[in-house]
Amino acid sequence: MTKAEIIEVISENVNITKKDIGIIIDKFFEKVKHGISNNEHIELRGFGTFGTKERKARIARNPKTNEKINVPEHRVPYFKAGKELKGMVTKK
């Protein structure tokens, strides 16, 4: 499902213009991205949690050349599904 399809479905159920729904969705994603980039923990009960995890420095290998590469410590974003969302998925 695309963002445009989500906007379409929401607009059928509420009395808000598609343009305004698009703005709301964009602002939501901006807040999530901004929060994650600032190492904030974002929890949406019943849906899931957004955050970052620290990856330790390590030595990796280029599979083509077999050359060793140093990968520095870095943060990566993650999403962990909430209990209710997991339950909905496993019931199907």
PDB file of N, CA and C in Angstrom:
ATOM      1  N   MET A   1       0.843  -1.170   0.000  1.00  0.00           N
ATOM      2  CA  MET A   1       0.000   0.000   0.000  1.00  0.00           C
ATOM      3  C   MET A   1       0.891   1.237   0.000  1.00  0.00           C
ATOM      4  N   THR A   2       0.590   2.175  -0.878  1.00  0.00           N
ATOM      5  CA  THR A   2       1.371   3.407  -0.977  1.00  0.00           C
ATOM      6  C   THR A   2       0.775   4.507  -0.102  1.00  0.00           C
ATOM      7  N   LYS A   3       1.537   5.583   0.055  1.00  0.00           N
ATOM      8  CA  LYS A   3       1.032   6.720   0.827  1.00  0.00           C
ATOM      9  C   LYS A   3      -0.230   7.276   0.189  1.00  0.00           C
ATOM     10  N   ALA A   4      -0.267   7.341  -1.139  1.00  0.00           N
ATOM     11  CA  ALA A   4      -1.454   7.853  -1.835  1.00  0.00           C
ATOM     12  C   ALA A   4      -2.672   6.967  -1.565  1.00  0.00           C
ATOM     13  N   GLU A   5      -2.466   5.660  -1.516  1.00  0.00           N
ATOM     14  CA  GLU A   5      -3.579   4.742  -1.223  1.00  0.00           C
ATOM     15  C   GLU A   5      -4.058   4.902   0.213  1.00  0.00           C
ATOM     16  N   ILE A   6      -3.131   5.118   1.133  1.00  0.00           N
ATOM     17  CA  ILE A   6      -3.513   5.357   2.536  1.00  0.00           C
ATOM     18  C   ILE A   6      -4.338   6.628   2.645  1.00  0.00           C
ATOM     19  N   ILE A   7      -3.903   7.684   1.963  1.00  0.00           N
ATOM     20  CA  ILE A   7      -4.636   8.952   1.965  1.00  0.00           C
ATOM     21  C   ILE A   7      -6.039   8.740   1.410  1.00  0.00           C
ATOM     22  N   GLU A   8      -6.160   7.986   0.336  1.00  0.00           N
ATOM     23  CA  GLU A   8      -7.461   7.706  -0.281  1.00  0.00           C
ATOM     24  C   GLU A   8      -8.388   6.987   0.696  1.00  0.00           C
ATOM     25  N   VAL A   9      -7.887   5.964   1.364  1.00  0.00           N
ATOM     26  CA  VAL A   9      -8.709   5.189   2.302  1.00  0.00           C
ATOM     27  C   VAL A   9      -9.155   6.054   3.470  1.00  0.00           C
ATOM     28  N   ILE A  10      -8.238   6.855   4.008  1.00  0.00           N
ATOM     29  CA  ILE A  10      -8.587   7.713   5.142  1.00  0.00           C
ATOM     30  C   ILE A  10      -9.625   8.751   4.721  1.00  0.00           C
ATOM     31  N   SER A  11      -9.466   9.333   3.534  1.00  0.00           N
ATOM     32  CA  SER A  11     -10.392  10.381   3.088  1.00  0.00           C
ATOM     33  C   SER A  11     -11.808   9.842   2.905  1.00  0.00           C
ATOM     34  N   GLU A  12     -11.944   8.552   2.639  1.00  0.00           N
ATOM     35  CA  GLU A  12     -13.275   7.949   2.510  1.00  0.00           C
ATOM     36  C   GLU A  12     -13.973   7.825   3.856  1.00  0.00           C
ATOM     37  N   ASN A  13     -13.189   7.802   4.952  1.00  0.00           N
ATOM     38  CA  ASN A  13     -13.756   7.563   6.280  1.00  0.00           C
ATOM     39  C   ASN A  13     -13.896   8.806   7.148  1.00  0.00           C
ATOM     40  N   VAL A  14     -13.270   9.915   6.751  1.00  0.00           N
ATOM     41  CA  VAL A  14     -13.353  11.139   7.546  1.00  0.00           C
ATOM     42  C   VAL A  14     -13.694  12.323   6.639  1.00  0.00           C
ATOM     43  N   ASN A  15     -14.115  13.381   7.248  1.00  0.00           N
ATOM     44  CA  ASN A  15     -14.504  14.571   6.499  1.00  0.00           C
ATOM     45  C   ASN A  15     -13.338  15.566   6.452  1.00  0.00           C
ATOM     46  N   ILE A  16     -12.221  15.112   5.884  1.00  0.00           N
ATOM     47  CA  ILE A  16     -11.026  15.949   5.734  1.00  0.00           C
ATOM     48  C   ILE A  16     -10.552  15.796   4.299  1.00  0.00           C
ATOM     49  N   THR A  17     -10.052  16.884   3.720  1.00  0.00           N
ATOM     50  CA  THR A  17      -9.598  16.817   2.328  1.00  0.00           C
ATOM     51  C   THR A  17      -8.352  15.942   2.206  1.00  0.00           C
ATOM     52  N   LYS A  18      -8.146  15.390   1.014  1.00  0.00           N
ATOM     53  CA  LYS A  18      -6.969  14.559   0.762  1.00  0.00           C
ATOM     54  C   LYS A  18      -5.685  15.359   0.976  1.00  0.00           C
ATOM     55  N   LYS A  19      -5.724  16.637   0.592  1.00  0.00           N
ATOM     56  CA  LYS A  19      -4.551  17.500   0.760  1.00  0.00           C
ATOM     57  C   LYS A  19      -4.189  17.626   2.238  1.00  0.00           C
ATOM     58  N   ASP A  20      -5.191  17.852   3.094  1.00  0.00           N
ATOM     59  CA  ASP A  20      -4.947  17.989   4.527  1.00  0.00           C
ATOM     60  C   ASP A  20      -4.472  16.670   5.140  1.00  0.00           C
ATOM     61  N   ILE A  21      -5.037  15.552   4.695  1.00  0.00           N
ATOM     62  CA  ILE A  21      -4.596  14.248   5.189  1.00  0.00           C
ATOM     63  C   ILE A  21      -3.138  14.025   4.798  1.00  0.00           C
ATOM     64  N   GLY A  22      -2.778  14.378   3.565  1.00  0.00           N
ATOM     65  CA  GLY A  22      -1.394  14.258   3.111  1.00  0.00           C
ATOM     66  C   GLY A  22      -0.444  15.072   3.970  1.00  0.00           C
ATOM     67  N   ILE A  23      -0.859  16.285   4.330  1.00  0.00           N
ATOM     68  CA  ILE A  23      -0.035  17.151   5.182  1.00  0.00           C
ATOM     69  C   ILE A  23       0.143  16.515   6.561  1.00  0.00           C
ATOM     70  N   ILE A  24      -0.932  15.974   7.115  1.00  0.00           N
ATOM     71  CA  ILE A  24      -0.867  15.330   8.433  1.00  0.00           C
ATOM     72  C   ILE A  24       0.084  14.129   8.401  1.00  0.00           C
ATOM     73  N   ILE A  25      -0.043  13.304   7.381  1.00  0.00           N
ATOM     74  CA  ILE A  25       0.826  12.126   7.264  1.00  0.00           C
ATOM     75  C   ILE A  25       2.280  12.556   7.100  1.00  0.00           C
ATOM     76  N   ASP A  26       2.529  13.575   6.265  1.00  0.00           N
ATOM     77  CA  ASP A  26       3.894  14.070   6.083  1.00  0.00           C
ATOM     78  C   ASP A  26       4.480  14.585   7.397  1.00  0.00           C
ATOM     79  N   LYS A  27       3.682  15.327   8.170  1.00  0.00           N
ATOM     80  CA  LYS A  27       4.147  15.860   9.463  1.00  0.00           C
ATOM     81  C   LYS A  27       4.439  14.727  10.437  1.00  0.00           C
ATOM     82  N   PHE A  28       3.599  13.682  10.417  1.00  0.00           N
ATOM     83  CA  PHE A  28       3.834  12.519  11.276  1.00  0.00           C
ATOM     84  C   PHE A  28       5.179  11.880  10.939  1.00  0.00           C
ATOM     85  N   PHE A  29       5.420  11.622   9.653  1.00  0.00           N
ATOM     86  CA  PHE A  29       6.682  11.011   9.243  1.00  0.00           C
ATOM     87  C   PHE A  29       7.872  11.915   9.559  1.00  0.00           C
ATOM     88  N   GLU A  30       7.714  13.227   9.397  1.00  0.00           N
ATOM     89  CA  GLU A  30       8.793  14.158   9.743  1.00  0.00           C
ATOM     90  C   GLU A  30       9.143  14.049  11.220  1.00  0.00           C
ATOM     91  N   LYS A  31       8.122  13.985  12.074  1.00  0.00           N
ATOM     92  CA  LYS A  31       8.348  13.885  13.517  1.00  0.00           C
ATOM     93  C   LYS A  31       9.049  12.577  13.865  1.00  0.00           C
ATOM     94  N   VAL A  32       8.618  11.472  13.252  1.00  0.00           N
ATOM     95  CA  VAL A  32       9.255  10.181  13.518  1.00  0.00           C
ATOM     96  C   VAL A  32      10.722  10.221  13.065  1.00  0.00           C
ATOM     97  N   LYS A  33      10.975  10.717  11.852  1.00  0.00           N
ATOM     98  CA  LYS A  33      12.351  10.797  11.348  1.00  0.00           C
ATOM     99  C   LYS A  33      13.213  11.698  12.221  1.00  0.00           C
ATOM    100  N   HIS A  34      12.664  12.851  12.613  1.00  0.00           N
ATOM    101  CA  HIS A  34      13.402  13.791  13.455  1.00  0.00           C
ATOM    102  C   HIS A  34      13.703  13.153  14.816  1.00  0.00           C
ATOM    103  N   GLY A  35      12.711  12.484  15.382  1.00  0.00           N
ATOM    104  CA  GLY A  35      12.904  11.834  16.679  1.00  0.00           C
ATOM    105  C   GLY A  35      13.958  10.747  16.617  1.00  0.00           C
ATOM    106  N   ILE A  36      13.888   9.909  15.587  1.00  0.00           N
ATOM    107  CA  ILE A  36      14.872   8.838  15.451  1.00  0.00           C
ATOM    108  C   ILE A  36      16.270   9.412  15.258  1.00  0.00           C
ATOM    109  N   SER A  37      16.386  10.456  14.435  1.00  0.00           N
ATOM    110  CA  SER A  37      17.709  11.042  14.197  1.00  0.00           C
ATOM    111  C   SER A  37      18.275  11.689  15.459  1.00  0.00           C
ATOM    112  N   ASN A  38      17.407  12.068  16.408  1.00  0.00           N
ATOM    113  CA  ASN A  38      17.848  12.643  17.682  1.00  0.00           C
ATOM    114  C   ASN A  38      17.887  11.600  18.797  1.00  0.00           C
ATOM    115  N   ASN A  39      17.882  10.328  18.401  1.00  0.00           N
ATOM    116  CA  ASN A  39      17.995   9.204  19.334  1.00  0.00           C
ATOM    117  C   ASN A  39      16.830   9.130  20.316  1.00  0.00           C
ATOM    118  N   GLU A  40      15.644   9.578  19.899  1.00  0.00           N
ATOM    119  CA  GLU A  40      14.456   9.487  20.735  1.00  0.00           C
ATOM    120  C   GLU A  40      13.787   8.133  20.539  1.00  0.00           C
ATOM    121  N   HIS A  41      13.055   7.698  21.558  1.00  0.00           N
ATOM    122  CA  HIS A  41      12.288   6.465  21.526  1.00  0.00           C
ATOM    123  C   HIS A  41      10.834   6.862  21.261  1.00  0.00           C
ATOM    124  N   ILE A  42      10.232   6.368  20.172  1.00  0.00           N
ATOM    125  CA  ILE A  42       8.863   6.730  19.818  1.00  0.00           C
ATOM    126  C   ILE A  42       7.991   5.486  19.915  1.00  0.00           C
ATOM    127  N   GLU A  43       7.007   5.530  20.808  1.00  0.00           N
ATOM    128  CA  GLU A  43       6.149   4.376  21.044  1.00  0.00           C
ATOM    129  C   GLU A  43       4.704   4.704  20.682  1.00  0.00           C
ATOM    130  N   LEU A  44       4.121   3.886  19.819  1.00  0.00           N
ATOM    131  CA  LEU A  44       2.713   4.005  19.452  1.00  0.00           C
ATOM    132  C   LEU A  44       2.019   2.743  19.963  1.00  0.00           C
ATOM    133  N   ARG A  45       1.352   2.850  21.091  1.00  0.00           N
ATOM    134  CA  ARG A  45       0.753   1.678  21.735  1.00  0.00           C
ATOM    135  C   ARG A  45      -0.178   0.946  20.776  1.00  0.00           C
ATOM    136  N   GLY A  46      -0.053  -0.360  20.764  1.00  0.00           N
ATOM    137  CA  GLY A  46      -0.859  -1.195  19.896  1.00  0.00           C
ATOM    138  C   GLY A  46      -0.291  -1.323  18.493  1.00  0.00           C
ATOM    139  N   PHE A  47       0.660  -0.478  18.137  1.00  0.00           N
ATOM    140  CA  PHE A  47       1.251  -0.520  16.802  1.00  0.00           C
ATOM    141  C   PHE A  47       2.715  -0.953  16.867  1.00  0.00           C
ATOM    142  N   GLY A  48       3.549  -0.146  17.535  1.00  0.00           N
ATOM    143  CA  GLY A  48       4.952  -0.515  17.626  1.00  0.00           C
ATOM    144  C   GLY A  48       5.824   0.606  18.136  1.00  0.00           C
ATOM    145  N   THR A  49       7.128   0.352  18.081  1.00  0.00           N
ATOM    146  CA  THR A  49       8.123   1.273  18.614  1.00  0.00           C
ATOM    147  C   THR A  49       9.180   1.566  17.560  1.00  0.00           C
ATOM    148  N   PHE A  50       9.538   2.840  17.441  1.00  0.00           N
ATOM    149  CA  PHE A  50      10.617   3.266  16.564  1.00  0.00           C
ATOM    150  C   PHE A  50      11.774   3.723  17.442  1.00  0.00           C
ATOM    151  N   GLY A  51      12.988   3.473  17.002  1.00  0.00           N
ATOM    152  CA  GLY A  51      14.145   3.916  17.763  1.00  0.00           C
ATOM    153  C   GLY A  51      15.420   3.641  17.003  1.00  0.00           C
ATOM    154  N   THR A  52      16.528   3.727  17.722  1.00  0.00           N
ATOM    155  CA  THR A  52      17.830   3.436  17.121  1.00  0.00           C
ATOM    156  C   THR A  52      18.567   2.438  17.993  1.00  0.00           C
ATOM    157  N   LYS A  53      19.461   1.701  17.358  1.00  0.00           N
ATOM    158  CA  LYS A  53      20.331   0.766  18.057  1.00  0.00           C
ATOM    159  C   LYS A  53      21.766   1.079  17.666  1.00  0.00           C
ATOM    160  N   GLU A  54      22.672   0.832  18.598  1.00  0.00           N
ATOM    161  CA  GLU A  54      24.095   1.020  18.336  1.00  0.00           C
ATOM    162  C   GLU A  54      24.667  -0.271  17.765  1.00  0.00           C
ATOM    163  N   ARG A  55      25.368  -0.159  16.657  1.00  0.00           N
ATOM    164  CA  ARG A  55      26.098  -1.298  16.082  1.00  0.00           C
ATOM    165  C   ARG A  55      27.566  -1.116  16.435  1.00  0.00           C
ATOM    166  N   LYS A  56      28.173  -2.146  16.987  1.00  0.00           N
ATOM    167  CA  LYS A  56      29.582  -2.071  17.368  1.00  0.00           C
ATOM    168  C   LYS A  56      30.465  -2.061  16.126  1.00  0.00           C
ATOM    169  N   ALA A  57      31.650  -1.521  16.293  1.00  0.00           N
ATOM    170  CA  ALA A  57      32.641  -1.540  15.209  1.00  0.00           C
ATOM    171  C   ALA A  57      33.018  -2.996  14.944  1.00  0.00           C
ATOM    172  N   ARG A  58      33.297  -3.290  13.680  1.00  0.00           N
ATOM    173  CA  ARG A  58      33.657  -4.663  13.334  1.00  0.00           C
ATOM    174  C   ARG A  58      34.476  -4.674  12.048  1.00  0.00           C
ATOM    175  N   ILE A  59      35.016  -5.813  11.760  1.00  0.00           N
ATOM    176  CA  ILE A  59      35.741  -5.996  10.509  1.00  0.00           C
ATOM    177  C   ILE A  59      34.863  -6.849   9.599  1.00  0.00           C
ATOM    178  N   ALA A  60      34.536  -6.308   8.426  1.00  0.00           N
ATOM    179  CA  ALA A  60      33.704  -7.008   7.451  1.00  0.00           C
ATOM    180  C   ALA A  60      34.576  -7.466   6.290  1.00  0.00           C
ATOM    181  N   ARG A  61      33.981  -8.188   5.359  1.00  0.00           N
ATOM    182  CA  ARG A  61      34.722  -8.698   4.214  1.00  0.00           C
ATOM    183  C   ARG A  61      33.953  -8.375   2.940  1.00  0.00           C
ATOM    184  N   ASN A  62      34.667  -7.840   1.952  1.00  0.00           N
ATOM    185  CA  ASN A  62      34.080  -7.601   0.636  1.00  0.00           C
ATOM    186  C   ASN A  62      33.976  -8.964  -0.061  1.00  0.00           C
ATOM    187  N   PRO A  63      32.750  -9.426  -0.374  1.00  0.00           N
ATOM    188  CA  PRO A  63      32.613 -10.763  -0.944  1.00  0.00           C
ATOM    189  C   PRO A  63      33.239 -10.920  -2.331  1.00  0.00           C
ATOM    190  N   LYS A  64      33.371  -9.840  -3.084  1.00  0.00           N
ATOM    191  CA  LYS A  64      33.966  -9.934  -4.426  1.00  0.00           C
ATOM    192  C   LYS A  64      35.486 -10.079  -4.367  1.00  0.00           C
ATOM    193  N   THR A  65      36.100  -9.256  -3.513  1.00  0.00           N
ATOM    194  CA  THR A  65      37.568  -9.223  -3.487  1.00  0.00           C
ATOM    195  C   THR A  65      38.164  -9.923  -2.270  1.00  0.00           C
ATOM    196  N   ASN A  66      37.318 -10.318  -1.323  1.00  0.00           N
ATOM    197  CA  ASN A  66      37.746 -10.935  -0.071  1.00  0.00           C
ATOM    198  C   ASN A  66      38.577  -9.976   0.785  1.00  0.00           C
ATOM    199  N   GLU A  67      38.551  -8.687   0.453  1.00  0.00           N
ATOM    200  CA  GLU A  67      39.295  -7.659   1.185  1.00  0.00           C
ATOM    201  C   GLU A  67      38.601  -7.363   2.508  1.00  0.00           C
ATOM    202  N   LYS A  68      39.383  -7.203   3.585  1.00  0.00           N
ATOM    203  CA  LYS A  68      38.833  -6.856   4.891  1.00  0.00           C
ATOM    204  C   LYS A  68      38.576  -5.352   4.942  1.00  0.00           C
ATOM    205  N   ILE A  69      37.436  -4.994   5.530  1.00  0.00           N
ATOM    206  CA  ILE A  69      37.016  -3.597   5.620  1.00  0.00           C
ATOM    207  C   ILE A  69      36.646  -3.298   7.063  1.00  0.00           C
ATOM    208  N   ASN A  70      37.152  -2.184   7.592  1.00  0.00           N
ATOM    209  CA  ASN A  70      36.775  -1.758   8.938  1.00  0.00           C
ATOM    210  C   ASN A  70      35.456  -1.001   8.868  1.00  0.00           C
ATOM    211  N   VAL A  71      34.467  -1.477   9.621  1.00  0.00           N
ATOM    212  CA  VAL A  71      33.167  -0.808   9.701  1.00  0.00           C
ATOM    213  C   VAL A  71      33.112  -0.138  11.073  1.00  0.00           C
ATOM    214  N   PRO A  72      33.013   1.188  11.107  1.00  0.00           N
ATOM    215  CA  PRO A  72      33.014   1.888  12.405  1.00  0.00           C
ATOM    216  C   PRO A  72      31.694   1.676  13.153  1.00  0.00           C
ATOM    217  N   GLU A  73      31.710   1.991  14.432  1.00  0.00           N
ATOM    218  CA  GLU A  73      30.489   1.951  15.239  1.00  0.00           C
ATOM    219  C   GLU A  73      29.498   2.958  14.666  1.00  0.00           C
ATOM    220  N   HIS A  74      28.223   2.579  14.619  1.00  0.00           N
ATOM    221  CA  HIS A  74      27.211   3.489  14.076  1.00  0.00           C
ATOM    222  C   HIS A  74      25.827   3.123  14.601  1.00  0.00           C
ATOM    223  N   ARG A  75      24.898   4.075  14.473  1.00  0.00           N
ATOM    224  CA  ARG A  75      23.507   3.859  14.882  1.00  0.00           C
ATOM    225  C   ARG A  75      22.687   3.456  13.662  1.00  0.00           C
ATOM    226  N   VAL A  76      21.702   2.591  13.886  1.00  0.00           N
ATOM    227  CA  VAL A  76      20.783   2.190  12.821  1.00  0.00           C
ATOM    228  C   VAL A  76      19.355   2.307  13.341  1.00  0.00           C
ATOM    229  N   PRO A  77      18.405   2.712  12.493  1.00  0.00           N
ATOM    230  CA  PRO A  77      17.010   2.787  12.928  1.00  0.00           C
ATOM    231  C   PRO A  77      16.395   1.386  13.001  1.00  0.00           C
ATOM    232  N   TYR A  78      15.383   1.242  13.879  1.00  0.00           N
ATOM    233  CA  TYR A  78      14.656  -0.018  13.949  1.00  0.00           C
ATOM    234  C   TYR A  78      13.180   0.244  14.209  1.00  0.00           C
ATOM    235  N   PHE A  79      12.373  -0.753  13.886  1.00  0.00           N
ATOM    236  CA  PHE A  79      10.955  -0.752  14.224  1.00  0.00           C
ATOM    237  C   PHE A  79      10.651  -2.086  14.865  1.00  0.00           C
ATOM    238  N   LYS A  80       9.994  -2.049  16.017  1.00  0.00           N
ATOM    239  CA  LYS A  80       9.595  -3.282  16.695  1.00  0.00           C
ATOM    240  C   LYS A  80       8.074  -3.260  16.789  1.00  0.00           C
ATOM    241  N   ALA A  81       7.445  -4.264  16.185  1.00  0.00           N
ATOM    242  CA  ALA A  81       5.989  -4.339  16.182  1.00  0.00           C
ATOM    243  C   ALA A  81       5.471  -4.542  17.602  1.00  0.00           C
ATOM    244  N   GLY A  82       4.341  -3.894  17.907  1.00  0.00           N
ATOM    245  CA  GLY A  82       3.706  -4.037  19.210  1.00  0.00           C
ATOM    246  C   GLY A  82       2.930  -5.342  19.320  1.00  0.00           C
ATOM    247  N   LYS A  83       2.532  -5.658  20.536  1.00  0.00           N
ATOM    248  CA  LYS A  83       1.837  -6.919  20.822  1.00  0.00           C
ATOM    249  C   LYS A  83       0.554  -7.059  19.996  1.00  0.00           C
ATOM    250  N   GLU A  84      -0.231  -5.993  19.912  1.00  0.00           N
ATOM    251  CA  GLU A  84      -1.497  -6.038  19.171  1.00  0.00           C
ATOM    252  C   GLU A  84      -1.252  -6.263  17.684  1.00  0.00           C
ATOM    253  N   LEU A  85      -0.282  -5.579  17.110  1.00  0.00           N
ATOM    254  CA  LEU A  85       0.041  -5.744  15.691  1.00  0.00           C
ATOM    255  C   LEU A  85       0.560  -7.153  15.421  1.00  0.00           C
ATOM    256  N   LYS A  86       1.438  -7.659  16.284  1.00  0.00           N
ATOM    257  CA  LYS A  86       1.930  -9.032  16.126  1.00  0.00           C
ATOM    258  C   LYS A  86       0.779 -10.021  16.149  1.00  0.00           C
ATOM    259  N   GLY A  87      -0.161  -9.806  17.075  1.00  0.00           N
ATOM    260  CA  GLY A  87      -1.314 -10.689  17.178  1.00  0.00           C
ATOM    261  C   GLY A  87      -2.167 -10.687  15.937  1.00  0.00           C
ATOM    262  N   MET A  88      -2.356  -9.523  15.329  1.00  0.00           N
ATOM    263  CA  MET A  88      -3.137  -9.424  14.089  1.00  0.00           C
ATOM    264  C   MET A  88      -2.467 -10.173  12.945  1.00  0.00           C
ATOM    265  N   VAL A  89      -1.154 -10.103  12.882  1.00  0.00           N
ATOM    266  CA  VAL A  89      -0.411 -10.741  11.797  1.00  0.00           C
ATOM    267  C   VAL A  89      -0.396 -12.255  11.964  1.00  0.00           C
ATOM    268  N   THR A  90      -0.221 -12.727  13.179  1.00  0.00           N
ATOM    269  CA  THR A  90      -0.116 -14.171  13.393  1.00  0.00           C
ATOM    270  C   THR A  90      -1.457 -14.885  13.299  1.00  0.00           C
ATOM    271  N   LYS A  91      -2.567 -14.181  13.417  1.00  0.00           N
ATOM    272  CA  LYS A  91      -3.896 -14.798  13.317  1.00  0.00           C
ATOM    273  C   LYS A  91      -4.243 -15.202  11.892  1.00  0.00           C
ATOM    274  N   LYS A  92      -3.577 -14.589  10.919  1.00  0.00           N
ATOM    275  CA  LYS A  92      -3.920 -14.856   9.508  1.00  0.00           C
ATOM    276  C   LYS A  92      -3.238 -16.065   8.984  1.00  0.00           C
TER     277      LYS A  92
END
